[in-house]
């Protein structure tokens, strides 16, 4: 019991250190994504997680620099993002099936809308718009289908697995997927290379534990 108590304290302290570091990045999309993932886990896994959410929000609100960052959150101030959200769907519909190809956003978008050029952003700050722009509706369907299968698989095995550690990892993986997908609404999460690396590492660990629980290799 003492060992478990010490482990809990270690993980709680580690989590809040990570949250504090995340707050200091001033990446609002990451904040919203993490809060969404934690809300998901608090609803379906453990109510106590709501305390972590409140702690994380408290850190954001107590620091002057992050409060100021929150004040900047509106489409009136985020002019570039407003342009992308409004105009990119129309560009996608010009080549809806297969898209414009990889890494062509900057060239195509600013040629069509030169008046919006500002610092030459190379993605529309939305993972769904960017995938649809590059690979068309077919690519977007494949992308969403991949996560649908992962979520469905985890939910199925959560009802079959008795090992609490594996269940905890699966719930954490589901929370990470929610985090990633929500963050993707306001940013290109695949361009933040460390994000996908960490996500797929966690998913790989979850599938490894599923495999060990059911001995699929046999």
C-alpha atoms as a PDB file:
ATOM      1  CA  UNK A   1       0.000   0.000   0.000  1.00  0.00           C
ATOM      2  CA  UNK A   2       2.849   2.393   0.836  1.00  0.00           C
ATOM      3  CA  UNK A   3       4.449   1.658  -2.515  1.00  0.00           C
ATOM      4  CA  UNK A   4       1.197   2.361  -4.357  1.00  0.00           C
ATOM      5  CA  UNK A   5       0.719   5.561  -2.355  1.00  0.00           C
ATOM      6  CA  UNK A   6       4.217   6.748  -3.288  1.00  0.00           C
ATOM      7  CA  UNK A   7       3.590   5.885  -6.943  1.00  0.00           C
ATOM      8  CA  UNK A   8       0.392   7.935  -6.967  1.00  0.00           C
ATOM      9  CA  UNK A   9       2.177  10.928  -5.467  1.00  0.00           C
ATOM     10  CA  UNK A  10       4.971  10.574  -8.039  1.00  0.00           C
ATOM     11  CA  UNK A  11       2.542  10.450 -10.974  1.00  0.00           C
ATOM     12  CA  UNK A  12       0.450  13.360  -9.672  1.00  0.00           C
ATOM     13  CA  UNK A  13       3.514  15.570  -9.175  1.00  0.00           C
ATOM     14  CA  UNK A  14       4.911  14.555 -12.578  1.00  0.00           C
ATOM     15  CA  UNK A  15       1.590  15.303 -14.257  1.00  0.00           C
ATOM     16  CA  UNK A  16       1.360  18.795 -12.769  1.00  0.00           C
ATOM     17  CA  UNK A  17       4.954  19.554 -13.758  1.00  0.00           C
ATOM     18  CA  UNK A  18       4.090  18.527 -17.330  1.00  0.00           C
ATOM     19  CA  UNK A  19       0.909  20.649 -17.210  1.00  0.00           C
ATOM     20  CA  UNK A  20       2.882  23.642 -15.954  1.00  0.00           C
ATOM     21  CA  UNK A  21       5.408  23.241 -18.796  1.00  0.00           C
ATOM     22  CA  UNK A  22       2.526  22.932 -21.277  1.00  0.00           C
ATOM     23  CA  UNK A  23       1.000  26.143 -19.921  1.00  0.00           C
ATOM     24  CA  UNK A  24       4.307  27.949 -20.440  1.00  0.00           C
ATOM     25  CA  UNK A  25       4.299  27.027 -24.161  1.00  0.00           C
ATOM     26  CA  UNK A  26       1.210  29.298 -24.480  1.00  0.00           C
ATOM     27  CA  UNK A  27      -0.244  26.832 -27.014  1.00  0.00           C
ATOM     28  CA  UNK A  28      -3.972  27.292 -26.539  1.00  0.00           C
ATOM     29  CA  UNK A  29      -4.932  24.404 -28.805  1.00  0.00           C
ATOM     30  CA  UNK A  30      -2.879  22.037 -26.655  1.00  0.00           C
ATOM     31  CA  UNK A  31      -4.621  23.379 -23.532  1.00  0.00           C
ATOM     32  CA  UNK A  32      -8.081  22.790 -25.005  1.00  0.00           C
ATOM     33  CA  UNK A  33      -7.068  19.367 -26.298  1.00  0.00           C
ATOM     34  CA  UNK A  34      -5.719  18.246 -22.916  1.00  0.00           C
ATOM     35  CA  UNK A  35      -8.767  19.559 -21.064  1.00  0.00           C
ATOM     36  CA  UNK A  36     -11.057  17.754 -23.541  1.00  0.00           C
ATOM     37  CA  UNK A  37      -9.163  14.489 -23.101  1.00  0.00           C
ATOM     38  CA  UNK A  38      -9.330  14.808 -19.305  1.00  0.00           C
ATOM     39  CA  UNK A  39     -13.061  15.625 -19.418  1.00  0.00           C
ATOM     40  CA  UNK A  40     -13.607  12.495 -21.525  1.00  0.00           C
ATOM     41  CA  UNK A  41     -11.708  10.381 -18.983  1.00  0.00           C
ATOM     42  CA  UNK A  42     -13.481  11.991 -16.021  1.00  0.00           C
ATOM     43  CA  UNK A  43     -16.883  11.130 -17.532  1.00  0.00           C
ATOM     44  CA  UNK A  44     -16.137   7.540 -18.496  1.00  0.00           C
ATOM     45  CA  UNK A  45     -13.286   6.525 -16.180  1.00  0.00           C
ATOM     46  CA  UNK A  46     -12.942   8.433 -12.909  1.00  0.00           C
ATOM     47  CA  UNK A  47     -14.740  11.513 -11.602  1.00  0.00           C
ATOM     48  CA  UNK A  48     -11.723  12.624  -9.561  1.00  0.00           C
ATOM     49  CA  UNK A  49      -9.959  13.655 -12.774  1.00  0.00           C
ATOM     50  CA  UNK A  50     -12.140  16.771 -12.724  1.00  0.00           C
ATOM     51  CA  UNK A  51      -9.862  18.027  -9.917  1.00  0.00           C
ATOM     52  CA  UNK A  52      -6.871  17.813 -12.263  1.00  0.00           C
ATOM     53  CA  UNK A  53      -8.803  19.815 -14.867  1.00  0.00           C
ATOM     54  CA  UNK A  54      -9.568  22.514 -12.306  1.00  0.00           C
ATOM     55  CA  UNK A  55      -5.918  22.582 -11.262  1.00  0.00           C
ATOM     56  CA  UNK A  56      -4.778  22.950 -14.861  1.00  0.00           C
ATOM     57  CA  UNK A  57      -7.270  25.764 -15.540  1.00  0.00           C
ATOM     58  CA  UNK A  58      -6.191  27.450 -12.301  1.00  0.00           C
ATOM     59  CA  UNK A  59      -2.550  27.466 -13.475  1.00  0.00           C
ATOM     60  CA  UNK A  60      -3.627  29.084 -16.769  1.00  0.00           C
ATOM     61  CA  UNK A  61      -5.717  31.751 -15.035  1.00  0.00           C
ATOM     62  CA  UNK A  62      -3.225  32.620 -12.303  1.00  0.00           C
ATOM     63  CA  UNK A  63      -0.307  33.461 -14.627  1.00  0.00           C
ATOM     64  CA  UNK A  64      -0.494  36.959 -16.194  1.00  0.00           C
ATOM     65  CA  UNK A  65       1.120  35.864 -19.494  1.00  0.00           C
ATOM     66  CA  UNK A  66      -1.363  33.019 -20.028  1.00  0.00           C
ATOM     67  CA  UNK A  67      -4.324  35.204 -19.047  1.00  0.00           C
ATOM     68  CA  UNK A  68      -3.193  37.674 -21.682  1.00  0.00           C
ATOM     69  CA  UNK A  69      -2.902  34.826 -24.179  1.00  0.00           C
ATOM     70  CA  UNK A  70      -6.499  33.828 -23.463  1.00  0.00           C
ATOM     71  CA  UNK A  71      -7.663  37.406 -24.086  1.00  0.00           C
ATOM     72  CA  UNK A  72      -6.276  37.128 -27.617  1.00  0.00           C
ATOM     73  CA  UNK A  73      -8.591  34.205 -28.389  1.00  0.00           C
ATOM     74  CA  UNK A  74     -11.182  35.497 -30.825  1.00  0.00           C
ATOM     75  CA  UNK A  75     -11.613  35.427 -34.599  1.00  0.00           C
ATOM     76  CA  UNK A  76     -11.432  39.242 -34.577  1.00  0.00           C
ATOM     77  CA  UNK A  77      -7.883  39.078 -33.230  1.00  0.00           C
ATOM     78  CA  UNK A  78      -6.915  35.797 -34.929  1.00  0.00           C
ATOM     79  CA  UNK A  79      -7.331  37.288 -38.412  1.00  0.00           C
ATOM     80  CA  UNK A  80      -5.154  34.706 -40.183  1.00  0.00           C
ATOM     81  CA  UNK A  81      -7.023  31.759 -38.741  1.00  0.00           C
ATOM     82  CA  UNK A  82     -10.339  33.416 -39.625  1.00  0.00           C
ATOM     83  CA  UNK A  83      -9.199  33.681 -43.254  1.00  0.00           C
ATOM     84  CA  UNK A  84      -8.121  30.028 -43.307  1.00  0.00           C
ATOM     85  CA  UNK A  85     -11.352  28.712 -41.774  1.00  0.00           C
ATOM     86  CA  UNK A  86     -13.501  30.807 -44.105  1.00  0.00           C
ATOM     87  CA  UNK A  87     -11.643  30.393 -47.409  1.00  0.00           C
ATOM     88  CA  UNK A  88      -9.941  26.978 -47.325  1.00  0.00           C
ATOM     89  CA  UNK A  89     -13.162  24.909 -47.745  1.00  0.00           C
ATOM     90  CA  UNK A  90     -13.820  26.678 -51.058  1.00  0.00           C
ATOM     91  CA  UNK A  91     -10.317  25.849 -52.294  1.00  0.00           C
ATOM     92  CA  UNK A  92     -10.794  22.206 -51.256  1.00  0.00           C
ATOM     93  CA  UNK A  93     -14.022  22.009 -53.273  1.00  0.00           C
ATOM     94  CA  UNK A  94     -12.086  22.905 -56.423  1.00  0.00           C
ATOM     95  CA  UNK A  95     -10.288  19.549 -56.158  1.00  0.00           C
ATOM     96  CA  UNK A  96     -12.479  17.606 -53.730  1.00  0.00           C
ATOM     97  CA  UNK A  97     -11.558  14.001 -54.557  1.00  0.00           C
ATOM     98  CA  UNK A  98      -7.743  13.800 -54.483  1.00  0.00           C
ATOM     99  CA  UNK A  99      -6.816  17.294 -53.289  1.00  0.00           C
ATOM    100  CA  UNK A 100      -3.958  19.591 -54.282  1.00  0.00           C
ATOM    101  CA  UNK A 101      -1.072  17.366 -53.224  1.00  0.00           C
ATOM    102  CA  UNK A 102       1.344  17.450 -50.316  1.00  0.00           C
ATOM    103  CA  UNK A 103       2.786  20.721 -49.003  1.00  0.00           C
ATOM    104  CA  UNK A 104       1.079  22.886 -51.637  1.00  0.00           C
ATOM    105  CA  UNK A 105      -1.062  24.969 -49.308  1.00  0.00           C
ATOM    106  CA  UNK A 106       1.192  28.021 -49.160  1.00  0.00           C
ATOM    107  CA  UNK A 107       1.619  28.163 -52.943  1.00  0.00           C
ATOM    108  CA  UNK A 108      -2.048  27.542 -53.867  1.00  0.00           C
ATOM    109  CA  UNK A 109      -3.774  29.534 -51.112  1.00  0.00           C
ATOM    110  CA  UNK A 110      -1.690  32.701 -51.367  1.00  0.00           C
ATOM    111  CA  UNK A 111      -1.859  32.685 -55.166  1.00  0.00           C
ATOM    112  CA  UNK A 112      -5.647  32.646 -54.910  1.00  0.00           C
ATOM    113  CA  UNK A 113      -5.849  35.085 -51.989  1.00  0.00           C
ATOM    114  CA  UNK A 114      -2.699  37.265 -52.060  1.00  0.00           C
ATOM    115  CA  UNK A 115      -4.383  39.869 -49.863  1.00  0.00           C
ATOM    116  CA  UNK A 116      -4.372  37.378 -46.967  1.00  0.00           C
ATOM    117  CA  UNK A 117      -0.625  36.728 -47.128  1.00  0.00           C
ATOM    118  CA  UNK A 118       0.944  37.267 -43.738  1.00  0.00           C
ATOM    119  CA  UNK A 119       4.110  35.464 -42.783  1.00  0.00           C
ATOM    120  CA  UNK A 120       3.285  32.821 -45.399  1.00  0.00           C
ATOM    121  CA  UNK A 121       1.733  30.105 -43.199  1.00  0.00           C
ATOM    122  CA  UNK A 122       2.085  26.715 -44.875  1.00  0.00           C
ATOM    123  CA  UNK A 123      -1.016  25.076 -43.351  1.00  0.00           C
ATOM    124  CA  UNK A 124      -4.543  26.285 -42.466  1.00  0.00           C
ATOM    125  CA  UNK A 125      -4.228  25.701 -38.707  1.00  0.00           C
ATOM    126  CA  UNK A 126      -6.711  22.838 -38.839  1.00  0.00           C
ATOM    127  CA  UNK A 127      -5.655  19.217 -39.344  1.00  0.00           C
ATOM    128  CA  UNK A 128      -8.935  18.265 -41.059  1.00  0.00           C
ATOM    129  CA  UNK A 129      -8.817  21.140 -43.520  1.00  0.00           C
ATOM    130  CA  UNK A 130      -5.159  20.458 -44.238  1.00  0.00           C
ATOM    131  CA  UNK A 131      -5.655  16.739 -44.910  1.00  0.00           C
ATOM    132  CA  UNK A 132      -8.675  17.458 -47.114  1.00  0.00           C
ATOM    133  CA  UNK A 133      -6.689  20.150 -48.930  1.00  0.00           C
ATOM    134  CA  UNK A 134      -3.709  17.874 -49.563  1.00  0.00           C
ATOM    135  CA  UNK A 135      -5.378  14.502 -50.154  1.00  0.00           C
ATOM    136  CA  UNK A 136      -9.024  15.357 -50.836  1.00  0.00           C
ATOM    137  CA  UNK A 137     -12.165  14.004 -49.236  1.00  0.00           C
ATOM    138  CA  UNK A 138     -10.897  10.448 -49.756  1.00  0.00           C
ATOM    139  CA  UNK A 139      -7.801  11.165 -47.686  1.00  0.00           C
ATOM    140  CA  UNK A 140      -9.890  12.785 -44.950  1.00  0.00           C
ATOM    141  CA  UNK A 141     -12.176   9.729 -44.833  1.00  0.00           C
ATOM    142  CA  UNK A 142      -9.164   7.418 -44.484  1.00  0.00           C
ATOM    143  CA  UNK A 143      -7.740   9.627 -41.713  1.00  0.00           C
ATOM    144  CA  UNK A 144     -10.998   9.662 -39.742  1.00  0.00           C
ATOM    145  CA  UNK A 145     -11.559   5.941 -40.357  1.00  0.00           C
ATOM    146  CA  UNK A 146      -8.160   5.155 -38.832  1.00  0.00           C
ATOM    147  CA  UNK A 147      -9.096   6.837 -35.565  1.00  0.00           C
ATOM    148  CA  UNK A 148     -12.616   5.370 -35.658  1.00  0.00           C
ATOM    149  CA  UNK A 149     -11.142   1.849 -35.828  1.00  0.00           C
ATOM    150  CA  UNK A 150      -8.680   2.605 -32.993  1.00  0.00           C
ATOM    151  CA  UNK A 151     -11.430   3.992 -30.737  1.00  0.00           C
ATOM    152  CA  UNK A 152     -13.787   1.115 -31.557  1.00  0.00           C
ATOM    153  CA  UNK A 153     -11.048  -1.458 -30.878  1.00  0.00           C
ATOM    154  CA  UNK A 154     -10.151   0.041 -27.494  1.00  0.00           C
ATOM    155  CA  UNK A 155     -13.796   0.232 -26.407  1.00  0.00           C
ATOM    156  CA  UNK A 156     -14.343  -3.437 -27.349  1.00  0.00           C
ATOM    157  CA  UNK A 157     -11.293  -4.627 -25.407  1.00  0.00           C
ATOM    158  CA  UNK A 158     -12.051  -2.453 -22.381  1.00  0.00           C
ATOM    159  CA  UNK A 159     -15.090  -4.709 -21.844  1.00  0.00           C
ATOM    160  CA  UNK A 160     -13.014  -7.873 -22.194  1.00  0.00           C
ATOM    161  CA  UNK A 161      -9.847  -7.089 -20.219  1.00  0.00           C
ATOM    162  CA  UNK A 162      -9.710  -7.563 -16.450  1.00  0.00           C
ATOM    163  CA  UNK A 163      -6.162  -6.281 -15.878  1.00  0.00           C
ATOM    164  CA  UNK A 164      -6.460  -2.819 -14.289  1.00  0.00           C
ATOM    165  CA  UNK A 165      -3.090  -1.575 -15.567  1.00  0.00           C
ATOM    166  CA  UNK A 166      -4.032  -2.390 -19.169  1.00  0.00           C
ATOM    167  CA  UNK A 167      -7.421  -0.749 -18.711  1.00  0.00           C
ATOM    168  CA  UNK A 168      -5.752   2.398 -17.364  1.00  0.00           C
ATOM    169  CA  UNK A 169      -3.431   2.538 -20.385  1.00  0.00           C
ATOM    170  CA  UNK A 170      -6.375   2.046 -22.778  1.00  0.00           C
ATOM    171  CA  UNK A 171      -8.343   4.845 -21.121  1.00  0.00           C
ATOM    172  CA  UNK A 172      -5.267   7.064 -21.223  1.00  0.00           C
ATOM    173  CA  UNK A 173      -4.855   6.222 -24.919  1.00  0.00           C
ATOM    174  CA  UNK A 174      -8.471   7.124 -25.632  1.00  0.00           C
ATOM    175  CA  UNK A 175      -7.996  10.393 -23.769  1.00  0.00           C
ATOM    176  CA  UNK A 176      -4.879  11.068 -25.856  1.00  0.00           C
ATOM    177  CA  UNK A 177      -6.837  10.461 -29.073  1.00  0.00           C
ATOM    178  CA  UNK A 178      -9.537  12.910 -27.936  1.00  0.00           C
ATOM    179  CA  UNK A 179      -6.805  15.419 -27.065  1.00  0.00           C
ATOM    180  CA  UNK A 180      -5.173  15.026 -30.490  1.00  0.00           C
ATOM    181  CA  UNK A 181      -8.424  15.298 -32.465  1.00  0.00           C
ATOM    182  CA  UNK A 182      -9.719  18.328 -30.536  1.00  0.00           C
ATOM    183  CA  UNK A 183      -6.362  20.101 -30.801  1.00  0.00           C
ATOM    184  CA  UNK A 184      -6.578  19.433 -34.540  1.00  0.00           C
ATOM    185  CA  UNK A 185      -9.604  21.726 -34.808  1.00  0.00           C
ATOM    186  CA  UNK A 186      -7.398  24.777 -34.237  1.00  0.00           C
ATOM    187  CA  UNK A 187      -3.977  23.621 -35.415  1.00  0.00           C
ATOM    188  CA  UNK A 188      -2.175  21.204 -37.733  1.00  0.00           C
ATOM    189  CA  UNK A 189      -1.316  18.573 -35.138  1.00  0.00           C
ATOM    190  CA  UNK A 190       0.613  16.410 -37.617  1.00  0.00           C
ATOM    191  CA  UNK A 191       3.006  19.314 -38.267  1.00  0.00           C
ATOM    192  CA  UNK A 192       3.885  19.403 -34.560  1.00  0.00           C
ATOM    193  CA  UNK A 193       6.051  16.346 -35.056  1.00  0.00           C
ATOM    194  CA  UNK A 194       6.511  15.445 -31.378  1.00  0.00           C
ATOM    195  CA  UNK A 195       2.715  15.237 -30.973  1.00  0.00           C
ATOM    196  CA  UNK A 196       2.089  12.372 -33.429  1.00  0.00           C
ATOM    197  CA  UNK A 197       5.260  10.585 -32.274  1.00  0.00           C
ATOM    198  CA  UNK A 198       4.038  10.553 -28.678  1.00  0.00           C
ATOM    199  CA  UNK A 199       0.453   9.689 -29.640  1.00  0.00           C
ATOM    200  CA  UNK A 200       1.420   6.670 -31.742  1.00  0.00           C
ATOM    201  CA  UNK A 201       3.923   5.550 -29.095  1.00  0.00           C
ATOM    202  CA  UNK A 202       1.068   5.494 -26.550  1.00  0.00           C
ATOM    203  CA  UNK A 203      -1.241   3.704 -29.003  1.00  0.00           C
ATOM    204  CA  UNK A 204       1.480   1.168 -29.778  1.00  0.00           C
ATOM    205  CA  UNK A 205       1.930   0.500 -26.052  1.00  0.00           C
ATOM    206  CA  UNK A 206      -1.830  -0.001 -25.673  1.00  0.00           C
ATOM    207  CA  UNK A 207      -1.957  -2.499 -28.549  1.00  0.00           C
ATOM    208  CA  UNK A 208       1.072  -4.326 -27.105  1.00  0.00           C
ATOM    209  CA  UNK A 209      -0.756  -4.759 -23.795  1.00  0.00           C
ATOM    210  CA  UNK A 210      -3.891  -5.945 -25.598  1.00  0.00           C
ATOM    211  CA  UNK A 211      -1.753  -8.469 -27.455  1.00  0.00           C
ATOM    212  CA  UNK A 212      -0.211  -9.733 -24.196  1.00  0.00           C
ATOM    213  CA  UNK A 213      -3.597 -10.062 -22.531  1.00  0.00           C
ATOM    214  CA  UNK A 214      -5.006 -12.170 -25.346  1.00  0.00           C
ATOM    215  CA  UNK A 215      -1.817 -13.862 -26.623  1.00  0.00           C
ATOM    216  CA  UNK A 216      -2.671 -13.166 -30.265  1.00  0.00           C
ATOM    217  CA  UNK A 217       0.788 -14.295 -31.360  1.00  0.00           C
ATOM    218  CA  UNK A 218      -0.201 -17.860 -30.477  1.00  0.00           C
END
